[in-house]
Amino acid sequence: MVVVQLCDRGEKTAMGIKNIARRYDVELLDMGNQYAAIKSDAITGKTKIIVGSEKMLQEESKIRMVN
């Protein structure tokens, strides 16, 4: 079992939608040098997976998305 951090849309605020980090257990199906195949009922095609951060994230951390 592997843990991934996902970006989840939180509540709407005056500044816009507040994104928060959530942790989920996933099954690792395959892994290469750049990509990994994972399986979880919590992940859909629209789920944003956090792949990097400049600081340590905790459950419910408020995050800002950079494209």
C-alpha atoms as a PDB file:
ATOM      1  CA  MET A   1       0.000   0.000   0.000  1.00  0.00           C
ATOM      2  CA  VAL A   2       1.240   3.482  -0.901  1.00  0.00           C
ATOM      3  CA  VAL A   3      -0.016   6.861   0.340  1.00  0.00           C
ATOM      4  CA  VAL A   4      -0.598   9.722  -2.102  1.00  0.00           C
ATOM      5  CA  GLN A   5      -1.635  13.311  -1.492  1.00  0.00           C
ATOM      6  CA  LEU A   6      -4.507  14.641  -3.530  1.00  0.00           C
ATOM      7  CA  CYS A   7      -5.748  18.152  -4.091  1.00  0.00           C
ATOM      8  CA  ASP A   8      -9.385  18.374  -3.054  1.00  0.00           C
ATOM      9  CA  ARG A   9     -11.645  21.338  -3.665  1.00  0.00           C
ATOM     10  CA  GLY A  10     -12.620  22.750  -0.329  1.00  0.00           C
ATOM     11  CA  GLU A  11     -15.165  25.379   0.477  1.00  0.00           C
ATOM     12  CA  LYS A  12     -15.813  28.549  -1.481  1.00  0.00           C
ATOM     13  CA  THR A  13     -14.334  31.685   0.112  1.00  0.00           C
ATOM     14  CA  ALA A  14     -14.214  35.373  -0.807  1.00  0.00           C
ATOM     15  CA  MET A  15     -10.818  34.685  -2.432  1.00  0.00           C
ATOM     16  CA  GLY A  16     -12.193  31.785  -4.511  1.00  0.00           C
ATOM     17  CA  ILE A  17     -12.127  28.018  -3.980  1.00  0.00           C
ATOM     18  CA  LYS A  18      -9.821  26.927  -1.144  1.00  0.00           C
ATOM     19  CA  ASN A  19      -7.910  23.795  -2.174  1.00  0.00           C
ATOM     20  CA  ILE A  20      -6.860  21.387   0.561  1.00  0.00           C
ATOM     21  CA  ALA A  21      -4.549  18.366   0.712  1.00  0.00           C
ATOM     22  CA  ARG A  22      -5.953  14.950   1.555  1.00  0.00           C
ATOM     23  CA  ARG A  23      -4.122  11.633   2.021  1.00  0.00           C
ATOM     24  CA  TYR A  24      -5.341   8.354   0.555  1.00  0.00           C
ATOM     25  CA  ASP A  25      -4.033   4.799   0.553  1.00  0.00           C
ATOM     26  CA  VAL A  26      -3.625   3.463  -2.980  1.00  0.00           C
ATOM     27  CA  GLU A  27      -2.437   0.229  -4.544  1.00  0.00           C
ATOM     28  CA  LEU A  28       0.726   0.550  -6.644  1.00  0.00           C
ATOM     29  CA  LEU A  29       0.187  -1.426  -9.861  1.00  0.00           C
ATOM     30  CA  ASP A  30       3.336  -0.489 -11.794  1.00  0.00           C
ATOM     31  CA  MET A  31       6.149   2.045 -11.499  1.00  0.00           C
ATOM     32  CA  GLY A  32       8.721   3.364 -13.966  1.00  0.00           C
ATOM     33  CA  ASN A  33      11.265   6.196 -13.923  1.00  0.00           C
ATOM     34  CA  GLN A  34       8.690   8.978 -14.475  1.00  0.00           C
ATOM     35  CA  TYR A  35       5.220   7.460 -14.078  1.00  0.00           C
ATOM     36  CA  ALA A  36       3.348   5.145 -11.757  1.00  0.00           C
ATOM     37  CA  ALA A  37       0.084   3.259 -12.170  1.00  0.00           C
ATOM     38  CA  ILE A  38      -2.047   3.364  -9.029  1.00  0.00           C
ATOM     39  CA  LYS A  39      -5.480   2.059  -8.104  1.00  0.00           C
ATOM     40  CA  SER A  40      -7.962   3.528  -5.644  1.00  0.00           C
ATOM     41  CA  ASP A  41     -11.720   4.015  -5.455  1.00  0.00           C
ATOM     42  CA  ALA A  42     -11.087   7.616  -4.284  1.00  0.00           C
ATOM     43  CA  ILE A  43      -9.258   8.627  -7.488  1.00  0.00           C
ATOM     44  CA  THR A  44     -11.091   9.610 -10.676  1.00  0.00           C
ATOM     45  CA  GLY A  45      -9.938  11.032 -14.003  1.00  0.00           C
ATOM     46  CA  LYS A  46     -10.450  14.558 -12.635  1.00  0.00           C
ATOM     47  CA  THR A  47      -8.454  14.028  -9.435  1.00  0.00           C
ATOM     48  CA  LYS A  48      -5.391  16.268  -9.078  1.00  0.00           C
ATOM     49  CA  ILE A  49      -2.475  14.414  -7.498  1.00  0.00           C
ATOM     50  CA  ILE A  50       0.137  16.504  -5.710  1.00  0.00           C
ATOM     51  CA  VAL A  51       3.531  15.483  -7.100  1.00  0.00           C
ATOM     52  CA  GLY A  52       5.749  18.064  -5.424  1.00  0.00           C
ATOM     53  CA  SER A  53       5.785  20.694  -2.733  1.00  0.00           C
ATOM     54  CA  GLU A  54       8.306  23.121  -1.280  1.00  0.00           C
ATOM     55  CA  LYS A  55       7.046  22.395   2.240  1.00  0.00           C
ATOM     56  CA  MET A  56       5.781  19.389   4.162  1.00  0.00           C
ATOM     57  CA  LEU A  57       2.033  18.964   3.765  1.00  0.00           C
ATOM     58  CA  GLN A  58      -0.281  17.765   6.505  1.00  0.00           C
ATOM     59  CA  GLU A  59      -3.846  16.482   6.209  1.00  0.00           C
ATOM     60  CA  GLU A  60      -6.174  19.424   5.521  1.00  0.00           C
ATOM     61  CA  SER A  61      -3.270  21.743   4.569  1.00  0.00           C
ATOM     62  CA  LYS A  62      -4.436  24.710   2.520  1.00  0.00           C
ATOM     63  CA  ILE A  63      -2.633  24.692  -0.820  1.00  0.00           C
ATOM     64  CA  ARG A  64      -2.258  26.969  -3.812  1.00  0.00           C
ATOM     65  CA  MET A  65      -2.118  25.383  -7.253  1.00  0.00           C
ATOM     66  CA  VAL A  66       0.602  26.530  -9.681  1.00  0.00           C
ATOM     67  CA  ASN A  67       0.324  25.513 -13.326  1.00  0.00           C
END
